[in-house]
Amino acid sequence: MLAPKDSILTAEDIEIEKRNMKKLFPYIESFNAFLITNEILDVIERRKITGRHRLLKAFCGEKSEHELFIICNN
């Protein structure tokens, strides 16, 4: 988790970290399990992501046009 207020990360550093997390995520946890245990909101589209294909597109799409807000259900 990134805490920009508590660190010396610049906005550019945070963007780099977000891109790296998006690249690594599919190798860490399955998308099916992630959808079950979390609610994922697309801030740009103002929609809840419920389908595996939409989550895959948000994380692995060529364009980084999705800003995701993730709420853990645990």
C-alpha atoms as a PDB file:
ATOM      1  CA  MET A   1       0.000   0.000   0.000  1.00  0.00           C
ATOM      2  CA  LEU A   2       1.268   3.432  -0.889  1.00  0.00           C
ATOM      3  CA  ALA A   3       0.869   6.230   1.609  1.00  0.00           C
ATOM      4  CA  PRO A   4       1.751   9.426  -0.270  1.00  0.00           C
ATOM      5  CA  LYS A   5       1.145  11.709   2.727  1.00  0.00           C
ATOM      6  CA  ASP A   6       3.592   9.753   4.891  1.00  0.00           C
ATOM      7  CA  SER A   7       6.382   9.379   2.366  1.00  0.00           C
ATOM      8  CA  ILE A   8       8.665  11.350   0.145  1.00  0.00           C
ATOM      9  CA  LEU A   9       7.253   9.835  -3.037  1.00  0.00           C
ATOM     10  CA  THR A  10       6.532  12.266  -5.809  1.00  0.00           C
ATOM     11  CA  ALA A  11       3.439  11.993  -7.997  1.00  0.00           C
ATOM     12  CA  GLU A  12       5.609  10.450 -10.719  1.00  0.00           C
ATOM     13  CA  ASP A  13       6.984   7.853  -8.266  1.00  0.00           C
ATOM     14  CA  ILE A  14       3.447   6.908  -7.268  1.00  0.00           C
ATOM     15  CA  GLU A  15       2.412   6.479 -10.917  1.00  0.00           C
ATOM     16  CA  ILE A  16       5.414   4.211 -11.505  1.00  0.00           C
ATOM     17  CA  GLU A  17       4.497   2.102  -8.463  1.00  0.00           C
ATOM     18  CA  LYS A  18       0.881   1.816  -9.647  1.00  0.00           C
ATOM     19  CA  ARG A  19       2.026   0.612 -13.077  1.00  0.00           C
ATOM     20  CA  ASN A  20       4.355  -1.935 -11.471  1.00  0.00           C
ATOM     21  CA  MET A  21       1.584  -3.250  -9.220  1.00  0.00           C
ATOM     22  CA  LYS A  22      -0.731  -3.643 -12.213  1.00  0.00           C
ATOM     23  CA  LYS A  23       1.953  -5.640 -14.047  1.00  0.00           C
ATOM     24  CA  LEU A  24       2.666  -7.945 -11.098  1.00  0.00           C
ATOM     25  CA  PHE A  25      -0.863  -8.506  -9.832  1.00  0.00           C
ATOM     26  CA  PRO A  26      -1.970 -11.264 -12.260  1.00  0.00           C
ATOM     27  CA  TYR A  27       0.972 -13.389 -11.142  1.00  0.00           C
ATOM     28  CA  ILE A  28       0.227 -12.936  -7.431  1.00  0.00           C
ATOM     29  CA  GLU A  29      -3.485 -13.737  -7.135  1.00  0.00           C
ATOM     30  CA  SER A  30      -6.129 -15.191  -9.414  1.00  0.00           C
ATOM     31  CA  PHE A  31      -8.694 -12.720 -10.700  1.00  0.00           C
ATOM     32  CA  ASN A  32     -11.564 -15.025  -9.703  1.00  0.00           C
ATOM     33  CA  ALA A  33     -10.442 -15.121  -6.071  1.00  0.00           C
ATOM     34  CA  PHE A  34      -9.810 -11.374  -6.101  1.00  0.00           C
ATOM     35  CA  LEU A  35     -13.363 -10.660  -7.328  1.00  0.00           C
ATOM     36  CA  ILE A  36     -14.844 -12.826  -4.565  1.00  0.00           C
ATOM     37  CA  THR A  37     -12.897 -11.253  -1.713  1.00  0.00           C
ATOM     38  CA  ASN A  38     -12.960  -7.613  -2.864  1.00  0.00           C
ATOM     39  CA  GLU A  39     -15.205  -4.985  -4.383  1.00  0.00           C
ATOM     40  CA  ILE A  40     -13.494  -3.159  -7.236  1.00  0.00           C
ATOM     41  CA  LEU A  41     -14.751   0.232  -8.322  1.00  0.00           C
ATOM     42  CA  ASP A  42     -13.610   1.933 -11.512  1.00  0.00           C
ATOM     43  CA  VAL A  43     -13.405   5.594 -10.543  1.00  0.00           C
ATOM     44  CA  ILE A  44     -13.185   6.862 -14.124  1.00  0.00           C
ATOM     45  CA  GLU A  45     -16.214   4.936 -15.416  1.00  0.00           C
ATOM     46  CA  ARG A  46     -18.044   5.183 -12.050  1.00  0.00           C
ATOM     47  CA  ARG A  47     -18.922   1.502 -12.163  1.00  0.00           C
ATOM     48  CA  LYS A  48     -18.358  -1.570 -10.061  1.00  0.00           C
ATOM     49  CA  ILE A  49     -16.255  -4.187 -11.813  1.00  0.00           C
ATOM     50  CA  THR A  50     -17.989  -7.545 -11.460  1.00  0.00           C
ATOM     51  CA  GLY A  51     -16.725  -9.606 -14.372  1.00  0.00           C
ATOM     52  CA  ARG A  52     -13.362 -11.293 -14.655  1.00  0.00           C
ATOM     53  CA  HIS A  53     -12.925 -10.019 -18.224  1.00  0.00           C
ATOM     54  CA  ARG A  54     -13.451  -6.390 -17.135  1.00  0.00           C
ATOM     55  CA  LEU A  55     -10.974  -6.790 -14.268  1.00  0.00           C
ATOM     56  CA  LEU A  56      -8.456  -8.354 -16.630  1.00  0.00           C
ATOM     57  CA  LYS A  57      -8.921  -5.455 -19.051  1.00  0.00           C
ATOM     58  CA  ALA A  58      -8.469  -2.906 -16.251  1.00  0.00           C
ATOM     59  CA  PHE A  59      -5.221  -4.491 -15.039  1.00  0.00           C
ATOM     60  CA  CYS A  60      -3.710  -5.781 -18.256  1.00  0.00           C
ATOM     61  CA  GLY A  61      -5.112  -3.459 -20.901  1.00  0.00           C
ATOM     62  CA  GLU A  62      -2.750  -1.555 -23.127  1.00  0.00           C
ATOM     63  CA  LYS A  63      -4.064   1.804 -21.949  1.00  0.00           C
ATOM     64  CA  SER A  64      -3.843   2.720 -18.296  1.00  0.00           C
ATOM     65  CA  GLU A  65      -7.145   4.586 -18.311  1.00  0.00           C
ATOM     66  CA  HIS A  66      -8.631   2.859 -15.265  1.00  0.00           C
ATOM     67  CA  GLU A  67      -8.326   4.219 -11.748  1.00  0.00           C
ATOM     68  CA  LEU A  68      -9.408   1.447  -9.402  1.00  0.00           C
ATOM     69  CA  PHE A  69     -10.613   1.691  -5.832  1.00  0.00           C
ATOM     70  CA  ILE A  70     -10.439  -1.682  -4.071  1.00  0.00           C
ATOM     71  CA  ILE A  71     -12.487  -2.491  -0.973  1.00  0.00           C
ATOM     72  CA  CYS A  72     -11.590  -5.665   0.912  1.00  0.00           C
ATOM     73  CA  ASN A  73     -14.652  -7.624   2.043  1.00  0.00           C
ATOM     74  CA  ASN A  74     -12.778  -9.436   4.825  1.00  0.00           C
END
